[in-house]
Protein backbone atom coordinates (compact mmCIF):
# COMPACT_ATOMS: atom_id res chain seq x y z
CA UNK A 1 118.69 176.66 140.44
CA UNK A 2 119.88 175.82 136.95
CA UNK A 3 119.51 172.28 135.66
CA UNK A 4 122.27 171.48 133.20
CA UNK A 5 121.28 167.93 132.24
CA UNK A 6 118.89 165.15 133.09
CA UNK A 7 119.35 161.41 132.75
CA UNK A 8 116.94 158.60 133.48
CA UNK A 9 117.58 158.75 137.24
CA UNK A 10 119.57 161.94 137.80
CA UNK A 11 119.47 165.71 137.54
CA UNK A 12 122.79 167.49 137.08
CA UNK A 13 122.45 171.07 138.26
CA UNK A 14 124.27 174.07 139.64
CA UNK A 15 125.06 174.04 143.32
CA UNK A 16 122.86 176.16 145.61
CA UNK A 17 125.35 176.92 148.39
CA UNK A 18 122.81 177.98 151.04
CA UNK A 19 120.62 174.89 150.72
CA UNK A 20 123.15 172.31 149.45
CA UNK A 21 126.01 172.84 151.93
CA UNK A 22 124.76 170.29 154.48
CA UNK A 23 124.33 167.51 151.91
CA UNK A 24 127.69 168.35 150.31
CA UNK A 25 129.29 168.28 153.77
CA UNK A 26 128.07 164.68 154.22
CA UNK A 27 130.04 163.80 151.09
CA UNK A 28 133.22 165.82 151.67
CA UNK A 29 133.56 165.16 155.41
CA UNK A 30 133.49 161.37 154.94
CA UNK A 31 137.05 159.99 155.20
CA UNK A 32 136.21 157.09 152.88
CA UNK A 33 134.97 159.47 150.18
CA UNK A 34 137.92 161.84 150.54
CA UNK A 35 140.56 159.09 150.83
CA UNK A 36 141.55 159.56 147.18
CA UNK A 37 140.76 163.31 147.08
CA UNK A 38 143.33 164.33 149.66
CA UNK A 39 141.43 166.74 151.91
CA UNK A 40 138.27 166.77 154.02
CA UNK A 41 135.94 169.66 154.69
CA UNK A 42 135.65 170.29 158.42
CA UNK A 43 132.43 172.30 158.76
CA UNK A 44 129.17 173.01 156.97
CA UNK A 45 130.18 176.68 156.73
CA UNK A 46 133.52 175.86 155.05
CA UNK A 47 131.60 173.61 152.65
CA UNK A 48 129.18 176.45 151.87
CA UNK A 49 132.12 178.77 151.06
CA UNK A 50 133.70 176.09 148.89
CA UNK A 51 130.44 175.71 146.93
CA UNK A 52 130.26 179.49 146.42
CA UNK A 53 133.83 179.52 145.06
CA UNK A 54 133.35 176.47 142.82
CA UNK A 55 129.91 177.37 141.42
CA UNK A 56 130.13 177.92 137.68
CA UNK A 57 133.63 176.46 137.49
CA UNK A 58 132.91 172.99 136.15
CA UNK A 59 131.43 171.40 139.28
CA UNK A 60 127.75 170.41 139.45
CA UNK A 61 125.51 168.63 141.94
CA UNK A 62 124.22 165.18 141.03
CA UNK A 63 120.66 164.87 142.35
CA UNK A 64 118.69 161.64 142.48
CA UNK A 65 115.33 162.40 140.83
CA UNK A 66 113.30 160.00 142.95
CA UNK A 67 114.40 161.39 146.34
CA UNK A 68 115.86 164.83 145.40
CA UNK A 69 118.91 163.83 147.45
CA UNK A 70 122.32 165.09 146.34
CA UNK A 71 124.25 161.90 145.65
CA UNK A 72 127.48 163.50 144.50
CA UNK A 73 129.43 165.89 142.34
CA UNK A 74 130.19 165.65 138.64
CA UNK A 75 133.07 167.63 137.14
CA UNK A 76 133.89 168.81 133.64
CA UNK A 77 136.72 171.26 134.00
CA UNK A 78 140.17 172.21 132.82
CA UNK A 79 142.95 170.16 134.35
CA UNK A 80 145.55 172.10 136.35
CA UNK A 81 149.22 171.46 135.66
CA UNK A 82 151.73 170.59 138.40
CA UNK A 83 151.88 174.29 139.38
CA UNK A 84 148.09 174.69 139.55
CA UNK A 85 147.82 176.62 136.26
CA UNK A 86 144.95 175.56 134.02
CA UNK A 87 145.87 173.58 130.91
CA UNK A 88 143.82 173.28 127.73
CA UNK A 89 142.94 169.68 128.69
CA UNK A 90 139.50 168.95 130.14
CA UNK A 91 138.68 166.24 132.66
CA UNK A 92 135.52 164.49 133.68
CA UNK A 93 135.39 163.43 137.32
CA UNK A 94 132.97 162.32 140.00
CA UNK A 95 132.71 162.22 143.79
CA UNK A 96 129.79 160.29 145.28
CA UNK A 97 128.47 159.99 148.81
CA UNK A 98 129.17 156.56 150.25
CA UNK A 99 125.47 155.63 150.42
CA UNK A 100 125.32 156.06 146.62
CA UNK A 101 128.29 153.88 145.71
CA UNK A 102 127.62 150.87 143.52
CA UNK A 103 124.40 152.19 141.96
CA UNK A 104 125.85 153.25 138.60
CA UNK A 105 125.43 156.97 139.30
CA UNK A 106 129.06 157.88 138.48
CA UNK A 107 128.79 156.14 135.11
CA UNK A 108 125.38 157.67 134.35
CA UNK A 109 126.48 161.21 135.28
CA UNK A 110 129.88 160.73 133.63
CA UNK A 111 128.28 159.65 130.35
CA UNK A 112 125.98 162.70 130.44
CA UNK A 113 128.92 165.05 131.02
CA UNK A 114 130.98 163.44 128.25
CA UNK A 115 128.06 163.91 125.85
CA UNK A 116 127.72 167.53 126.99
CA UNK A 117 131.45 168.17 126.58
CA UNK A 118 131.48 166.76 123.06
CA UNK A 119 128.12 167.99 121.74
CA UNK A 120 127.75 171.38 123.46
CA UNK A 121 131.32 172.47 124.25
CA UNK A 122 132.77 170.81 121.11
CA UNK A 123 135.72 169.39 122.99
CA UNK A 124 137.85 167.10 120.80
CA UNK A 125 138.97 164.92 123.71
CA UNK A 126 138.13 164.56 127.41
CA UNK A 127 140.43 163.02 130.01
CA UNK A 128 139.93 161.42 133.41
CA UNK A 129 142.65 161.24 136.06
CA UNK A 130 142.52 158.65 138.81
CA UNK A 131 144.85 157.98 141.72
CA UNK A 132 146.51 154.57 141.36
CA UNK A 133 144.65 152.05 143.48
CA UNK A 134 141.25 153.73 143.14
CA UNK A 135 139.70 150.67 141.54
CA UNK A 136 136.08 151.90 141.62
CA UNK A 137 136.93 155.01 139.56
CA UNK A 138 139.07 152.96 137.19
CA UNK A 139 136.03 150.73 136.58
CA UNK A 140 133.90 153.81 135.86
CA UNK A 141 136.40 154.97 133.21
CA UNK A 142 136.21 151.51 131.65
CA UNK A 143 132.39 151.63 131.56
CA UNK A 144 132.66 155.06 129.91
CA UNK A 145 134.87 153.48 127.19
CA UNK A 146 137.81 155.71 128.15
CA UNK A 147 141.19 154.50 126.92
CA UNK A 148 143.96 154.02 129.53
CA UNK A 149 147.02 156.07 128.57
CA UNK A 150 149.29 155.22 131.52
CA UNK A 151 150.76 157.09 134.45
CA UNK A 152 151.35 160.83 134.36
CA UNK A 153 152.74 163.58 136.60
CA UNK A 154 151.45 166.31 134.29
CA UNK A 155 148.40 167.26 136.38
CA UNK A 156 147.84 168.27 140.01
CA UNK A 157 151.54 167.76 140.80
CA UNK A 158 151.07 164.06 141.67
CA UNK A 159 151.27 160.74 139.88
CA UNK A 160 147.92 159.77 138.40
CA UNK A 161 146.51 157.27 135.95
CA UNK A 162 145.39 159.02 132.76
CA UNK A 163 142.39 157.98 130.65
CA UNK A 164 141.02 159.63 127.53
CA UNK A 165 138.02 159.57 125.26
CA UNK A 166 138.03 161.18 121.82
CA UNK A 167 134.91 162.91 120.55
CA UNK A 168 132.74 160.52 118.54
CA UNK A 169 133.30 160.79 114.79
CA UNK A 170 129.88 162.35 114.07
CA UNK A 171 130.63 165.26 116.43
CA UNK A 172 134.12 165.79 114.96
CA UNK A 173 132.67 165.85 111.42
CA UNK A 174 129.88 168.23 112.43
CA UNK A 175 132.38 170.58 114.08
CA UNK A 176 134.73 170.52 111.08
CA UNK A 177 131.82 171.32 108.74
CA UNK A 178 130.73 174.20 110.97
CA UNK A 179 127.48 172.50 111.92
CA UNK A 180 126.24 172.36 115.52
CA UNK A 181 127.20 169.24 117.46
CA UNK A 182 125.06 166.14 117.38
CA UNK A 183 122.78 165.53 120.33
CA UNK A 184 122.97 162.51 122.53
CA UNK A 185 120.86 160.67 125.04
CA UNK A 186 122.42 161.45 128.40
CA UNK A 187 120.86 158.38 129.96
CA UNK A 188 122.43 155.81 127.66
């Protein structure tokens, strides 16, 4: 198990398909969770295979420190265009189990991933895409200080709301001067 980041309440780590599949299945078999995602996983075994395929590709488990329960997924990955080909644009995204909604976990994990994307990966900008009508995720983008850009059909082959956040000035300056990125408190 590889921990990528820690915040005040959360651990963001690699998926462990053999031991995480059942908890991930609780998330991705819930019709209320997958309503805006488009597809549900139908078995623990199919979830395990999905975790194997996605591991190392910009998808991490969000684990509640206090209980060690997986509360969701956090993404930092390249956005696919309408044909499924990867673009140079990166997105931050989140999927949380229903029992963890309303606790601020998406914002906390999202902030940690944005900091990671800017300070470690030196990304100049990070986007979020949200299906219209997904008010909870829109509120998360607002809490992350992401700027609404409008509607787009550029990604995933569907109409989405596009949000963006530029790298903070101190990270852009450090990158331009060839200095390592500035650190950040993931739990802010």
